[in-house]
Amino acid sequence: MSSRRRKAGARGAAVIEFVLVAPLFLMLLLGAIDWGWYFVLRETLVNATREGARIASVQDNPTAQSQNAAIAAVRAYLANVGVTAVPVRSPDVQFTSIAVPGLATPVRAISVKLTSYPSAAISGLSWTLVPSTITAETVMRLEVP
């Protein structure tokens, strides 16, 4: 076999290998991008609820005023990071008591929760199995007695 024929055969093998590997590589790449976006969005929502809980936990009196402050803080956080493509529903803000082992009295806390925030794959492909909604919740101890 001449060297010219060997080179032509090697080129043909490289094309066949590329055709076999490229779809798998593309699927992995698109899946990584979709899941990366999902995790970025989820962490953004967790940070927004954390910011709302932090603002409400330092209010002088746990009332509707501190609930409104928490809602405003969540919305402001999401607007500042640029997550405004989807309208933000009001987060669920509740005052709760948490039983802590070793303490006789429960600790007063605030819970800020964003439920069913829409999420979707950037690529638009459903086989990446990215969840369609995200729920983020933060529970924080009230700092003021």
C-alpha atoms as a PDB file:
ATOM      1  CA  MET A   1       0.000   0.000   0.000  1.00  0.00           C
ATOM      2  CA  SER A   2       1.429   3.377  -0.942  1.00  0.00           C
ATOM      3  CA  SER A   3       1.817   6.241   1.516  1.00  0.00           C
ATOM      4  CA  ARG A   4      -0.778   8.282  -0.374  1.00  0.00           C
ATOM      5  CA  ARG A   5      -3.410   5.583   0.158  1.00  0.00           C
ATOM      6  CA  ARG A   6      -2.514   5.301   3.865  1.00  0.00           C
ATOM      7  CA  LYS A   7      -2.984   9.054   4.382  1.00  0.00           C
ATOM      8  CA  ALA A   8      -6.356   9.007   2.631  1.00  0.00           C
ATOM      9  CA  GLY A   9      -7.434   6.066   4.808  1.00  0.00           C
ATOM     10  CA  ALA A  10      -6.288   7.842   7.976  1.00  0.00           C
ATOM     11  CA  ARG A  11      -8.234  10.959   7.022  1.00  0.00           C
ATOM     12  CA  GLY A  12     -11.328   8.881   6.417  1.00  0.00           C
ATOM     13  CA  ALA A  13     -10.940   7.214   9.830  1.00  0.00           C
ATOM     14  CA  ALA A  14     -10.625  10.607  11.519  1.00  0.00           C
ATOM     15  CA  VAL A  15     -13.850  11.801   9.891  1.00  0.00           C
ATOM     16  CA  ILE A  16     -15.686   8.656  10.995  1.00  0.00           C
ATOM     17  CA  GLU A  17     -14.359   9.030  14.560  1.00  0.00           C
ATOM     18  CA  PHE A  18     -15.454  12.665  14.612  1.00  0.00           C
ATOM     19  CA  VAL A  19     -18.938  11.760  13.366  1.00  0.00           C
ATOM     20  CA  LEU A  20     -19.235   9.140  16.116  1.00  0.00           C
ATOM     21  CA  VAL A  21     -17.872  11.283  18.975  1.00  0.00           C
ATOM     22  CA  ALA A  22     -19.263  14.755  18.115  1.00  0.00           C
ATOM     23  CA  PRO A  23     -22.923  14.055  19.065  1.00  0.00           C
ATOM     24  CA  LEU A  24     -21.902  12.590  22.420  1.00  0.00           C
ATOM     25  CA  PHE A  25     -19.594  15.519  23.093  1.00  0.00           C
ATOM     26  CA  LEU A  26     -22.322  17.987  22.087  1.00  0.00           C
ATOM     27  CA  MET A  27     -24.840  16.290  24.386  1.00  0.00           C
ATOM     28  CA  LEU A  28     -22.420  16.476  27.323  1.00  0.00           C
ATOM     29  CA  LEU A  29     -21.629  20.103  26.578  1.00  0.00           C
ATOM     30  CA  LEU A  30     -25.293  21.167  26.359  1.00  0.00           C
ATOM     31  CA  GLY A  31     -26.133  19.223  29.518  1.00  0.00           C
ATOM     32  CA  ALA A  32     -23.297  20.919  31.400  1.00  0.00           C
ATOM     33  CA  ILE A  33     -24.453  24.357  30.240  1.00  0.00           C
ATOM     34  CA  ASP A  34     -28.085  23.682  31.201  1.00  0.00           C
ATOM     35  CA  TRP A  35     -27.217  22.314  34.632  1.00  0.00           C
ATOM     36  CA  GLY A  36     -24.704  25.118  35.206  1.00  0.00           C
ATOM     37  CA  TRP A  37     -27.404  27.706  34.549  1.00  0.00           C
ATOM     38  CA  TYR A  38     -29.812  25.851  36.854  1.00  0.00           C
ATOM     39  CA  PHE A  39     -27.275  25.915  39.714  1.00  0.00           C
ATOM     40  CA  VAL A  40     -26.510  29.604  39.161  1.00  0.00           C
ATOM     41  CA  LEU A  41     -30.220  30.433  39.256  1.00  0.00           C
ATOM     42  CA  ARG A  42     -30.815  28.257  42.331  1.00  0.00           C
ATOM     43  CA  GLU A  43     -27.963  29.886  44.261  1.00  0.00           C
ATOM     44  CA  THR A  44     -29.227  33.318  43.252  1.00  0.00           C
ATOM     45  CA  LEU A  45     -32.657  32.489  44.662  1.00  0.00           C
ATOM     46  CA  VAL A  46     -31.152  31.090  47.870  1.00  0.00           C
ATOM     47  CA  ASN A  47     -29.103  34.278  48.283  1.00  0.00           C
ATOM     48  CA  ALA A  48     -32.224  36.394  47.661  1.00  0.00           C
ATOM     49  CA  THR A  49     -34.175  34.573  50.381  1.00  0.00           C
ATOM     50  CA  ARG A  50     -31.153  34.835  52.681  1.00  0.00           C
ATOM     51  CA  GLU A  51     -31.034  38.588  52.104  1.00  0.00           C
ATOM     52  CA  GLY A  52     -34.767  38.912  52.810  1.00  0.00           C
ATOM     53  CA  ALA A  53     -34.471  36.882  56.013  1.00  0.00           C
ATOM     54  CA  ARG A  54     -31.453  38.915  57.123  1.00  0.00           C
ATOM     55  CA  ILE A  55     -33.274  42.214  56.625  1.00  0.00           C
ATOM     56  CA  ALA A  56     -36.383  40.982  58.455  1.00  0.00           C
ATOM     57  CA  SER A  57     -34.450  39.390  61.314  1.00  0.00           C
ATOM     58  CA  VAL A  58     -32.945  42.695  62.445  1.00  0.00           C
ATOM     59  CA  GLN A  59     -36.178  44.701  62.420  1.00  0.00           C
ATOM     60  CA  ASP A  60     -37.181  46.143  65.799  1.00  0.00           C
ATOM     61  CA  ASN A  61     -40.594  44.519  65.875  1.00  0.00           C
ATOM     62  CA  PRO A  62     -41.550  41.376  63.935  1.00  0.00           C
ATOM     63  CA  THR A  63     -44.689  42.686  62.258  1.00  0.00           C
ATOM     64  CA  ALA A  64     -46.103  43.158  58.827  1.00  0.00           C
ATOM     65  CA  GLN A  65     -43.562  45.962  58.373  1.00  0.00           C
ATOM     66  CA  SER A  66     -40.665  43.515  58.642  1.00  0.00           C
ATOM     67  CA  GLN A  67     -42.486  41.106  56.319  1.00  0.00           C
ATOM     68  CA  ASN A  68     -42.779  43.896  53.746  1.00  0.00           C
ATOM     69  CA  ALA A  69     -39.090  44.711  54.260  1.00  0.00           C
ATOM     70  CA  ALA A  70     -38.199  41.064  53.555  1.00  0.00           C
ATOM     71  CA  ILE A  71     -40.298  41.004  50.383  1.00  0.00           C
ATOM     72  CA  ALA A  72     -38.742  44.271  49.196  1.00  0.00           C
ATOM     73  CA  ALA A  73     -35.241  42.944  49.934  1.00  0.00           C
ATOM     74  CA  VAL A  74     -35.855  39.758  47.925  1.00  0.00           C
ATOM     75  CA  ARG A  75     -37.204  41.713  44.967  1.00  0.00           C
ATOM     76  CA  ALA A  76     -34.361  44.244  45.133  1.00  0.00           C
ATOM     77  CA  TYR A  77     -31.751  41.486  45.253  1.00  0.00           C
ATOM     78  CA  LEU A  78     -33.207  39.720  42.233  1.00  0.00           C
ATOM     79  CA  ALA A  79     -33.475  43.011  40.335  1.00  0.00           C
ATOM     80  CA  ASN A  80     -29.848  43.904  41.164  1.00  0.00           C
ATOM     81  CA  VAL A  81     -28.474  40.607  39.873  1.00  0.00           C
ATOM     82  CA  GLY A  82     -30.564  40.836  36.722  1.00  0.00           C
ATOM     83  CA  VAL A  83     -33.048  38.008  37.289  1.00  0.00           C
ATOM     84  CA  THR A  84     -36.034  39.982  36.086  1.00  0.00           C
ATOM     85  CA  ALA A  85     -36.967  38.024  32.981  1.00  0.00           C
ATOM     86  CA  VAL A  86     -39.611  36.184  34.987  1.00  0.00           C
ATOM     87  CA  PRO A  87     -41.970  38.183  37.219  1.00  0.00           C
ATOM     88  CA  VAL A  88     -41.085  37.521  40.842  1.00  0.00           C
ATOM     89  CA  ARG A  89     -43.988  36.368  42.926  1.00  0.00           C
ATOM     90  CA  SER A  90     -44.072  37.608  46.488  1.00  0.00           C
ATOM     91  CA  PRO A  91     -42.039  35.333  48.713  1.00  0.00           C
ATOM     92  CA  ASP A  92     -43.826  33.598  51.555  1.00  0.00           C
ATOM     93  CA  VAL A  93     -42.633  35.296  54.763  1.00  0.00           C
ATOM     94  CA  GLN A  94     -43.635  33.755  58.086  1.00  0.00           C
ATOM     95  CA  PHE A  95     -42.595  34.093  61.701  1.00  0.00           C
ATOM     96  CA  THR A  96     -42.059  30.733  63.346  1.00  0.00           C
ATOM     97  CA  SER A  97     -40.681  29.171  66.503  1.00  0.00           C
ATOM     98  CA  ILE A  98     -37.961  26.562  66.268  1.00  0.00           C
ATOM     99  CA  ALA A  99     -37.293  24.017  69.002  1.00  0.00           C
ATOM    100  CA  VAL A 100     -33.564  23.792  69.655  1.00  0.00           C
ATOM    101  CA  PRO A 101     -32.224  20.796  71.560  1.00  0.00           C
ATOM    102  CA  GLY A 102     -30.833  21.892  74.926  1.00  0.00           C
ATOM    103  CA  LEU A 103     -32.911  25.088  75.134  1.00  0.00           C
ATOM    104  CA  ALA A 104     -36.034  25.230  77.286  1.00  0.00           C
ATOM    105  CA  THR A 105     -37.810  27.830  75.163  1.00  0.00           C
ATOM    106  CA  PRO A 106     -38.137  27.763  71.395  1.00  0.00           C
ATOM    107  CA  VAL A 107     -36.200  30.282  69.325  1.00  0.00           C
ATOM    108  CA  ARG A 108     -38.178  32.843  67.334  1.00  0.00           C
ATOM    109  CA  ALA A 109     -37.274  32.771  63.660  1.00  0.00           C
ATOM    110  CA  ILE A 110     -38.363  34.075  60.294  1.00  0.00           C
ATOM    111  CA  SER A 111     -38.834  31.940  57.207  1.00  0.00           C
ATOM    112  CA  VAL A 112     -38.544  33.395  53.704  1.00  0.00           C
ATOM    113  CA  LYS A 113     -39.516  31.030  50.907  1.00  0.00           C
ATOM    114  CA  LEU A 114     -39.711  31.371  47.124  1.00  0.00           C
ATOM    115  CA  THR A 115     -41.766  28.532  45.692  1.00  0.00           C
ATOM    116  CA  SER A 116     -42.125  27.263  42.159  1.00  0.00           C
ATOM    117  CA  TYR A 117     -39.758  29.782  40.572  1.00  0.00           C
ATOM    118  CA  PRO A 118     -39.629  28.874  36.874  1.00  0.00           C
ATOM    119  CA  SER A 119     -36.443  27.349  35.551  1.00  0.00           C
ATOM    120  CA  ALA A 120     -35.772  25.920  32.139  1.00  0.00           C
ATOM    121  CA  ALA A 121     -32.954  24.502  30.101  1.00  0.00           C
ATOM    122  CA  ILE A 122     -31.121  27.164  28.115  1.00  0.00           C
ATOM    123  CA  SER A 123     -30.728  24.798  25.202  1.00  0.00           C
ATOM    124  CA  GLY A 124     -34.452  24.041  25.192  1.00  0.00           C
ATOM    125  CA  LEU A 125     -33.746  20.317  25.212  1.00  0.00           C
ATOM    126  CA  SER A 126     -35.764  18.243  27.661  1.00  0.00           C
ATOM    127  CA  TRP A 127     -33.341  15.315  27.820  1.00  0.00           C
ATOM    128  CA  THR A 128     -30.987  17.255  30.110  1.00  0.00           C
ATOM    129  CA  LEU A 129     -33.598  16.681  32.869  1.00  0.00           C
ATOM    130  CA  VAL A 130     -33.195  20.140  34.406  1.00  0.00           C
ATOM    131  CA  PRO A 131     -36.071  20.707  36.892  1.00  0.00           C
ATOM    132  CA  SER A 132     -38.738  23.099  35.629  1.00  0.00           C
ATOM    133  CA  THR A 133     -39.139  24.909  38.964  1.00  0.00           C
ATOM    134  CA  ILE A 134     -36.911  25.904  41.862  1.00  0.00           C
ATOM    135  CA  THR A 135     -37.863  26.335  45.510  1.00  0.00           C
ATOM    136  CA  ALA A 136     -35.543  28.229  47.844  1.00  0.00           C
ATOM    137  CA  GLU A 137     -36.076  28.770  51.565  1.00  0.00           C
ATOM    138  CA  THR A 138     -34.096  30.427  54.334  1.00  0.00           C
ATOM    139  CA  VAL A 139     -34.927  30.228  58.036  1.00  0.00           C
ATOM    140  CA  MET A 140     -33.101  32.691  60.264  1.00  0.00           C
ATOM    141  CA  ARG A 141     -33.218  33.434  63.995  1.00  0.00           C
ATOM    142  CA  LEU A 142     -34.686  36.803  64.942  1.00  0.00           C
ATOM    143  CA  GLU A 143     -31.957  39.031  66.346  1.00  0.00           C
ATOM    144  CA  VAL A 144     -34.257  41.343  68.297  1.00  0.00           C
ATOM    145  CA  PRO A 145     -36.105  39.819  71.296  1.00  0.00           C
END
